[in-house]
Amino acid sequence: MPVSDIPEPQDPADALAAVVALRRLADQLENAAVERAMRTGWSWPQVAEALGVTRQAVHRKHAERLIAAGVKLRRRSP
């Protein structure tokens, strides 16, 4: 869907609030998907490739939360 097809609120505050809400939703969806992937045995590089980011970026963003959630994380082989 082209951006021009998306209805835009007339009030800039409403439009910006919608952007914030979408970002929060995207973060929640990413967190859930990464956790599900890691719980099923995916590696950091697999998750990173699926998200289009580096392994380091995905690890930095999600590792602490996943550890706190009790997810067993895969370690790289020496």
PDB file of N, CA and C in Angstrom:
ATOM      1  N   MET A   1       0.843  -1.168   0.000  1.00  0.00           N
ATOM      2  CA  MET A   1       0.000   0.000   0.000  1.00  0.00           C
ATOM      3  C   MET A   1       0.896   1.241   0.000  1.00  0.00           C
ATOM      4  N   PRO A   2       0.756   2.093  -1.003  1.00  0.00           N
ATOM      5  CA  PRO A   2       1.529   3.331  -1.023  1.00  0.00           C
ATOM      6  C   PRO A   2       1.146   4.226   0.155  1.00  0.00           C
ATOM      7  N   VAL A   3       2.120   4.971   0.640  1.00  0.00           N
ATOM      8  CA  VAL A   3       1.876   5.867   1.767  1.00  0.00           C
ATOM      9  C   VAL A   3       0.750   6.841   1.446  1.00  0.00           C
ATOM     10  N   SER A   4       0.633   7.239   0.205  1.00  0.00           N
ATOM     11  CA  SER A   4      -0.408   8.195  -0.176  1.00  0.00           C
ATOM     12  C   SER A   4      -1.813   7.625  -0.001  1.00  0.00           C
ATOM     13  N   ASP A   5      -1.941   6.302   0.099  1.00  0.00           N
ATOM     14  CA  ASP A   5      -3.248   5.663   0.278  1.00  0.00           C
ATOM     15  C   ASP A   5      -3.657   5.562   1.744  1.00  0.00           C
ATOM     16  N   ILE A   6      -2.749   5.888   2.657  1.00  0.00           N
ATOM     17  CA  ILE A   6      -3.049   5.790   4.079  1.00  0.00           C
ATOM     18  C   ILE A   6      -3.708   7.077   4.527  1.00  0.00           C
ATOM     19  N   PRO A   7      -4.910   6.979   5.129  1.00  0.00           N
ATOM     20  CA  PRO A   7      -5.558   8.206   5.596  1.00  0.00           C
ATOM     21  C   PRO A   7      -4.709   8.865   6.682  1.00  0.00           C
ATOM     22  N   GLU A   8      -4.563  10.182   6.598  1.00  0.00           N
ATOM     23  CA  GLU A   8      -3.741  10.924   7.549  1.00  0.00           C
ATOM     24  C   GLU A   8      -4.628  11.861   8.351  1.00  0.00           C
ATOM     25  N   PRO A   9      -4.494  11.803   9.685  1.00  0.00           N
ATOM     26  CA  PRO A   9      -5.280  12.736  10.502  1.00  0.00           C
ATOM     27  C   PRO A   9      -4.931  14.183  10.147  1.00  0.00           C
ATOM     28  N   GLN A  10      -5.898  15.054  10.239  1.00  0.00           N
ATOM     29  CA  GLN A  10      -5.665  16.464   9.935  1.00  0.00           C
ATOM     30  C   GLN A  10      -4.814  17.143  11.005  1.00  0.00           C
ATOM     31  N   ASP A  11      -4.985  16.715  12.245  1.00  0.00           N
ATOM     32  CA  ASP A  11      -4.230  17.310  13.355  1.00  0.00           C
ATOM     33  C   ASP A  11      -2.863  16.633  13.438  1.00  0.00           C
ATOM     34  N   PRO A  12      -1.767  17.395  13.333  1.00  0.00           N
ATOM     35  CA  PRO A  12      -0.434  16.800  13.424  1.00  0.00           C
ATOM     36  C   PRO A  12      -0.214  16.014  14.716  1.00  0.00           C
ATOM     37  N   ALA A  13      -0.811  16.459  15.811  1.00  0.00           N
ATOM     38  CA  ALA A  13      -0.667  15.731  17.078  1.00  0.00           C
ATOM     39  C   ALA A  13      -1.268  14.338  16.965  1.00  0.00           C
ATOM     40  N   ASP A  14      -2.392  14.206  16.296  1.00  0.00           N
ATOM     41  CA  ASP A  14      -3.013  12.894  16.097  1.00  0.00           C
ATOM     42  C   ASP A  14      -2.145  12.010  15.204  1.00  0.00           C
ATOM     43  N   ALA A  15      -1.579  12.611  14.165  1.00  0.00           N
ATOM     44  CA  ALA A  15      -0.720  11.842  13.255  1.00  0.00           C
ATOM     45  C   ALA A  15       0.515  11.342  13.987  1.00  0.00           C
ATOM     46  N   LEU A  16       1.117  12.197  14.803  1.00  0.00           N
ATOM     47  CA  LEU A  16       2.313  11.792  15.551  1.00  0.00           C
ATOM     48  C   LEU A  16       1.978  10.757  16.616  1.00  0.00           C
ATOM     49  N   ALA A  17       0.835  10.886  17.246  1.00  0.00           N
ATOM     50  CA  ALA A  17       0.411   9.886  18.226  1.00  0.00           C
ATOM     51  C   ALA A  17       0.220   8.531  17.553  1.00  0.00           C
ATOM     52  N   ALA A  18      -0.283   8.535  16.339  1.00  0.00           N
ATOM     53  CA  ALA A  18      -0.458   7.288  15.599  1.00  0.00           C
ATOM     54  C   ALA A  18       0.899   6.656  15.289  1.00  0.00           C
ATOM     55  N   VAL A  19       1.886   7.468  14.941  1.00  0.00           N
ATOM     56  CA  VAL A  19       3.236   6.962  14.679  1.00  0.00           C
ATOM     57  C   VAL A  19       3.808   6.311  15.936  1.00  0.00           C
ATOM     58  N   VAL A  20       3.654   6.973  17.076  1.00  0.00           N
ATOM     59  CA  VAL A  20       4.145   6.425  18.342  1.00  0.00           C
ATOM     60  C   VAL A  20       3.466   5.097  18.647  1.00  0.00           C
ATOM     61  N   ALA A  21       2.160   5.031  18.465  1.00  0.00           N
ATOM     62  CA  ALA A  21       1.418   3.792  18.731  1.00  0.00           C
ATOM     63  C   ALA A  21       1.895   2.663  17.818  1.00  0.00           C
ATOM     64  N   LEU A  22       2.141   2.963  16.546  1.00  0.00           N
ATOM     65  CA  LEU A  22       2.623   1.947  15.611  1.00  0.00           C
ATOM     66  C   LEU A  22       4.021   1.470  15.984  1.00  0.00           C
ATOM     67  N   ARG A  23       4.891   2.388  16.414  1.00  0.00           N
ATOM     68  CA  ARG A  23       6.234   1.984  16.847  1.00  0.00           C
ATOM     69  C   ARG A  23       6.169   1.063  18.052  1.00  0.00           C
ATOM     70  N   ARG A  24       5.321   1.399  19.010  1.00  0.00           N
ATOM     71  CA  ARG A  24       5.173   0.546  20.197  1.00  0.00           C
ATOM     72  C   ARG A  24       4.665  -0.841  19.803  1.00  0.00           C
ATOM     73  N   LEU A  25       3.691  -0.881  18.911  1.00  0.00           N
ATOM     74  CA  LEU A  25       3.160  -2.161  18.452  1.00  0.00           C
ATOM     75  C   LEU A  25       4.241  -2.955  17.721  1.00  0.00           C
ATOM     76  N   ALA A  26       5.008  -2.291  16.867  1.00  0.00           N
ATOM     77  CA  ALA A  26       6.082  -2.973  16.142  1.00  0.00           C
ATOM     78  C   ALA A  26       7.115  -3.534  17.111  1.00  0.00           C
ATOM     79  N   ASP A  27       7.458  -2.770  18.144  1.00  0.00           N
ATOM     80  CA  ASP A  27       8.407  -3.263  19.152  1.00  0.00           C
ATOM     81  C   ASP A  27       7.856  -4.489  19.877  1.00  0.00           C
ATOM     82  N   GLN A  28       6.586  -4.451  20.235  1.00  0.00           N
ATOM     83  CA  GLN A  28       5.968  -5.592  20.918  1.00  0.00           C
ATOM     84  C   GLN A  28       5.962  -6.833  20.021  1.00  0.00           C
ATOM     85  N   LEU A  29       5.635  -6.637  18.753  1.00  0.00           N
ATOM     86  CA  LEU A  29       5.626  -7.758  17.808  1.00  0.00           C
ATOM     87  C   LEU A  29       7.035  -8.319  17.621  1.00  0.00           C
ATOM     88  N   GLU A  30       8.035  -7.437  17.512  1.00  0.00           N
ATOM     89  CA  GLU A  30       9.419  -7.882  17.366  1.00  0.00           C
ATOM     90  C   GLU A  30       9.865  -8.651  18.602  1.00  0.00           C
ATOM     91  N   ASN A  31       9.584  -8.111  19.785  1.00  0.00           N
ATOM     92  CA  ASN A  31       9.975  -8.793  21.022  1.00  0.00           C
ATOM     93  C   ASN A  31       9.385 -10.198  21.086  1.00  0.00           C
ATOM     94  N   ALA A  32       8.103 -10.320  20.778  1.00  0.00           N
ATOM     95  CA  ALA A  32       7.444 -11.631  20.832  1.00  0.00           C
ATOM     96  C   ALA A  32       8.023 -12.583  19.793  1.00  0.00           C
ATOM     97  N   ALA A  33       8.270 -12.090  18.593  1.00  0.00           N
ATOM     98  CA  ALA A  33       8.794 -12.944  17.522  1.00  0.00           C
ATOM     99  C   ALA A  33      10.220 -13.396  17.821  1.00  0.00           C
ATOM    100  N   VAL A  34      11.052 -12.488  18.342  1.00  0.00           N
ATOM    101  CA  VAL A  34      12.427 -12.851  18.688  1.00  0.00           C
ATOM    102  C   VAL A  34      12.417 -13.876  19.813  1.00  0.00           C
ATOM    103  N   GLU A  35      11.596 -13.652  20.827  1.00  0.00           N
ATOM    104  CA  GLU A  35      11.537 -14.613  21.928  1.00  0.00           C
ATOM    105  C   GLU A  35      11.085 -15.991  21.434  1.00  0.00           C
ATOM    106  N   ARG A  36      10.074 -16.021  20.596  1.00  0.00           N
ATOM    107  CA  ARG A  36       9.584 -17.300  20.053  1.00  0.00           C
ATOM    108  C   ARG A  36      10.688 -17.991  19.252  1.00  0.00           C
ATOM    109  N   ALA A  37      11.399 -17.224  18.428  1.00  0.00           N
ATOM    110  CA  ALA A  37      12.476 -17.800  17.625  1.00  0.00           C
ATOM    111  C   ALA A  37      13.578 -18.371  18.516  1.00  0.00           C
ATOM    112  N   MET A  38      13.979 -17.613  19.519  1.00  0.00           N
ATOM    113  CA  MET A  38      15.055 -18.079  20.403  1.00  0.00           C
ATOM    114  C   MET A  38      14.618 -19.285  21.232  1.00  0.00           C
ATOM    115  N   ARG A  39      13.364 -19.319  21.646  1.00  0.00           N
ATOM    116  CA  ARG A  39      12.858 -20.473  22.407  1.00  0.00           C
ATOM    117  C   ARG A  39      12.820 -21.742  21.544  1.00  0.00           C
ATOM    118  N   THR A  40      12.698 -21.570  20.238  1.00  0.00           N
ATOM    119  CA  THR A  40      12.653 -22.736  19.347  1.00  0.00           C
ATOM    120  C   THR A  40      14.027 -23.093  18.791  1.00  0.00           C
ATOM    121  N   GLY A  41      15.080 -22.431  19.320  1.00  0.00           N
ATOM    122  CA  GLY A  41      16.426 -22.828  18.954  1.00  0.00           C
ATOM    123  C   GLY A  41      17.112 -22.020  17.875  1.00  0.00           C
ATOM    124  N   TRP A  42      16.534 -20.917  17.461  1.00  0.00           N
ATOM    125  CA  TRP A  42      17.196 -20.098  16.456  1.00  0.00           C
ATOM    126  C   TRP A  42      18.466 -19.509  17.049  1.00  0.00           C
ATOM    127  N   SER A  43      19.421 -19.237  16.196  1.00  0.00           N
ATOM    128  CA  SER A  43      20.664 -18.595  16.609  1.00  0.00           C
ATOM    129  C   SER A  43      20.532 -17.082  16.438  1.00  0.00           C
ATOM    130  N   TRP A  44      21.454 -16.352  17.082  1.00  0.00           N
ATOM    131  CA  TRP A  44      21.472 -14.899  16.909  1.00  0.00           C
ATOM    132  C   TRP A  44      21.624 -14.514  15.444  1.00  0.00           C
ATOM    133  N   PRO A  45      22.537 -15.155  14.688  1.00  0.00           N
ATOM    134  CA  PRO A  45      22.656 -14.782  13.269  1.00  0.00           C
ATOM    135  C   PRO A  45      21.371 -15.034  12.465  1.00  0.00           C
ATOM    136  N   GLN A  46      20.648 -16.099  12.789  1.00  0.00           N
ATOM    137  CA  GLN A  46      19.388 -16.362  12.075  1.00  0.00           C
ATOM    138  C   GLN A  46      18.367 -15.258  12.347  1.00  0.00           C
ATOM    139  N   VAL A  47      18.233 -14.885  13.608  1.00  0.00           N
ATOM    140  CA  VAL A  47      17.288 -13.830  13.978  1.00  0.00           C
ATOM    141  C   VAL A  47      17.710 -12.516  13.326  1.00  0.00           C
ATOM    142  N   ALA A  48      19.006 -12.214  13.398  1.00  0.00           N
ATOM    143  CA  ALA A  48      19.506 -10.973  12.819  1.00  0.00           C
ATOM    144  C   ALA A  48      19.224 -10.906  11.323  1.00  0.00           C
ATOM    145  N   GLU A  49      19.477 -12.001  10.619  1.00  0.00           N
ATOM    146  CA  GLU A  49      19.233 -12.019   9.176  1.00  0.00           C
ATOM    147  C   GLU A  49      17.750 -11.797   8.874  1.00  0.00           C
ATOM    148  N   ALA A  50      16.882 -12.448   9.648  1.00  0.00           N
ATOM    149  CA  ALA A  50      15.441 -12.289   9.429  1.00  0.00           C
ATOM    150  C   ALA A  50      14.983 -10.853   9.662  1.00  0.00           C
ATOM    151  N   LEU A  51      15.625 -10.165  10.606  1.00  0.00           N
ATOM    152  CA  LEU A  51      15.258  -8.784  10.915  1.00  0.00           C
ATOM    153  C   LEU A  51      16.011  -7.760  10.057  1.00  0.00           C
ATOM    154  N   GLY A  52      17.026  -8.220   9.322  1.00  0.00           N
ATOM    155  CA  GLY A  52      17.789  -7.313   8.478  1.00  0.00           C
ATOM    156  C   GLY A  52      18.737  -6.422   9.264  1.00  0.00           C
ATOM    157  N   VAL A  53      19.262  -6.961  10.377  1.00  0.00           N
ATOM    158  CA  VAL A  53      20.212  -6.215  11.214  1.00  0.00           C
ATOM    159  C   VAL A  53      21.405  -7.120  11.499  1.00  0.00           C
ATOM    160  N   THR A  54      22.396  -6.586  12.208  1.00  0.00           N
ATOM    161  CA  THR A  54      23.549  -7.404  12.560  1.00  0.00           C
ATOM    162  C   THR A  54      23.247  -8.266  13.779  1.00  0.00           C
ATOM    163  N   ARG A  55      24.042  -9.317  13.935  1.00  0.00           N
ATOM    164  CA  ARG A  55      23.918 -10.181  15.101  1.00  0.00           C
ATOM    165  C   ARG A  55      24.133  -9.379  16.377  1.00  0.00           C
ATOM    166  N   GLN A  56      25.105  -8.483  16.335  1.00  0.00           N
ATOM    167  CA  GLN A  56      25.404  -7.663  17.503  1.00  0.00           C
ATOM    168  C   GLN A  56      24.224  -6.767  17.860  1.00  0.00           C
ATOM    169  N   ALA A  57      23.568  -6.202  16.871  1.00  0.00           N
ATOM    170  CA  ALA A  57      22.434  -5.309  17.125  1.00  0.00           C
ATOM    171  C   ALA A  57      21.270  -6.051  17.760  1.00  0.00           C
ATOM    172  N   VAL A  58      20.971  -7.230  17.251  1.00  0.00           N
ATOM    173  CA  VAL A  58      19.842  -7.982  17.803  1.00  0.00           C
ATOM    174  C   VAL A  58      20.180  -8.484  19.210  1.00  0.00           C
ATOM    175  N   HIS A  59      21.419  -8.884  19.431  1.00  0.00           N
ATOM    176  CA  HIS A  59      21.837  -9.335  20.755  1.00  0.00           C
ATOM    177  C   HIS A  59      21.751  -8.182  21.754  1.00  0.00           C
ATOM    178  N   ARG A  60      22.261  -7.028  21.372  1.00  0.00           N
ATOM    179  CA  ARG A  60      22.255  -5.846  22.249  1.00  0.00           C
ATOM    180  C   ARG A  60      20.817  -5.450  22.614  1.00  0.00           C
ATOM    181  N   LYS A  61      19.920  -5.558  21.663  1.00  0.00           N
ATOM    182  CA  LYS A  61      18.543  -5.117  21.889  1.00  0.00           C
ATOM    183  C   LYS A  61      17.734  -6.120  22.714  1.00  0.00           C
ATOM    184  N   HIS A  62      17.996  -7.431  22.545  1.00  0.00           N
ATOM    185  CA  HIS A  62      17.091  -8.427  23.106  1.00  0.00           C
ATOM    186  C   HIS A  62      17.674  -9.331  24.191  1.00  0.00           C
ATOM    187  N   ALA A  63      18.982  -9.459  24.289  1.00  0.00           N
ATOM    188  CA  ALA A  63      19.576 -10.467  25.185  1.00  0.00           C
ATOM    189  C   ALA A  63      19.153 -10.303  26.638  1.00  0.00           C
ATOM    190  N   GLU A  64      19.264  -9.114  27.172  1.00  0.00           N
ATOM    191  CA  GLU A  64      18.951  -8.913  28.592  1.00  0.00           C
ATOM    192  C   GLU A  64      17.499  -9.281  28.896  1.00  0.00           C
ATOM    193  N   ARG A  65      16.583  -8.860  28.025  1.00  0.00           N
ATOM    194  CA  ARG A  65      15.158  -9.166  28.219  1.00  0.00           C
ATOM    195  C   ARG A  65      14.906 -10.659  28.131  1.00  0.00           C
ATOM    196  N   LEU A  66      15.560 -11.318  27.187  1.00  0.00           N
ATOM    197  CA  LEU A  66      15.366 -12.752  27.024  1.00  0.00           C
ATOM    198  C   LEU A  66      15.908 -13.531  28.222  1.00  0.00           C
ATOM    199  N   ILE A  67      17.055 -13.133  28.719  1.00  0.00           N
ATOM    200  CA  ILE A  67      17.626 -13.787  29.899  1.00  0.00           C
ATOM    201  C   ILE A  67      16.677 -13.627  31.084  1.00  0.00           C
ATOM    202  N   ALA A  68      16.155 -12.412  31.272  1.00  0.00           N
ATOM    203  CA  ALA A  68      15.215 -12.152  32.362  1.00  0.00           C
ATOM    204  C   ALA A  68      13.942 -12.988  32.222  1.00  0.00           C
ATOM    205  N   ALA A  69      13.571 -13.305  30.973  1.00  0.00           N
ATOM    206  CA  ALA A  69      12.374 -14.112  30.718  1.00  0.00           C
ATOM    207  C   ALA A  69      12.658 -15.611  30.827  1.00  0.00           C
ATOM    208  N   GLY A  70      13.901 -15.961  31.117  1.00  0.00           N
ATOM    209  CA  GLY A  70      14.248 -17.366  31.278  1.00  0.00           C
ATOM    210  C   GLY A  70      14.486 -18.124  29.991  1.00  0.00           C
ATOM    211  N   VAL A  71      14.743 -17.409  28.921  1.00  0.00           N
ATOM    212  CA  VAL A  71      15.015 -18.058  27.641  1.00  0.00           C
ATOM    213  C   VAL A  71      16.456 -18.556  27.646  1.00  0.00           C
ATOM    214  N   LYS A  72      16.645 -19.828  27.302  1.00  0.00           N
ATOM    215  CA  LYS A  72      17.992 -20.389  27.194  1.00  0.00           C
ATOM    216  C   LYS A  72      18.570 -19.952  25.849  1.00  0.00           C
ATOM    217  N   LEU A  73      19.629 -19.164  25.919  1.00  0.00           N
ATOM    218  CA  LEU A  73      20.222 -18.620  24.703  1.00  0.00           C
ATOM    219  C   LEU A  73      21.339 -19.511  24.200  1.00  0.00           C
ATOM    220  N   ARG A  74      21.424 -19.631  22.901  1.00  0.00           N
ATOM    221  CA  ARG A  74      22.499 -20.399  22.283  1.00  0.00           C
ATOM    222  C   ARG A  74      23.784 -19.610  22.323  1.00  0.00           C
ATOM    223  N   ARG A  75      24.867 -20.296  22.592  1.00  0.00           N
ATOM    224  CA  ARG A  75      26.186 -19.670  22.579  1.00  0.00           C
ATOM    225  C   ARG A  75      26.893 -20.075  21.297  1.00  0.00           C
ATOM    226  N   ARG A  76      27.767 -19.182  20.822  1.00  0.00           N
ATOM    227  CA  ARG A  76      28.557 -19.515  19.643  1.00  0.00           C
ATOM    228  C   ARG A  76      29.587 -20.557  20.026  1.00  0.00           C
ATOM    229  N   SER A  77      29.861 -21.449  19.125  1.00  0.00           N
ATOM    230  CA  SER A  77      30.906 -22.459  19.345  1.00  0.00           C
ATOM    231  C   SER A  77      32.272 -21.801  19.230  1.00  0.00           C
ATOM    232  N   PRO A  78      33.235 -22.193  20.097  1.00  0.00           N
ATOM    233  CA  PRO A  78      34.581 -21.620  20.013  1.00  0.00           C
ATOM    234  C   PRO A  78      35.310 -22.049  18.765  1.00  0.00           C
TER     235      PRO A  78
END
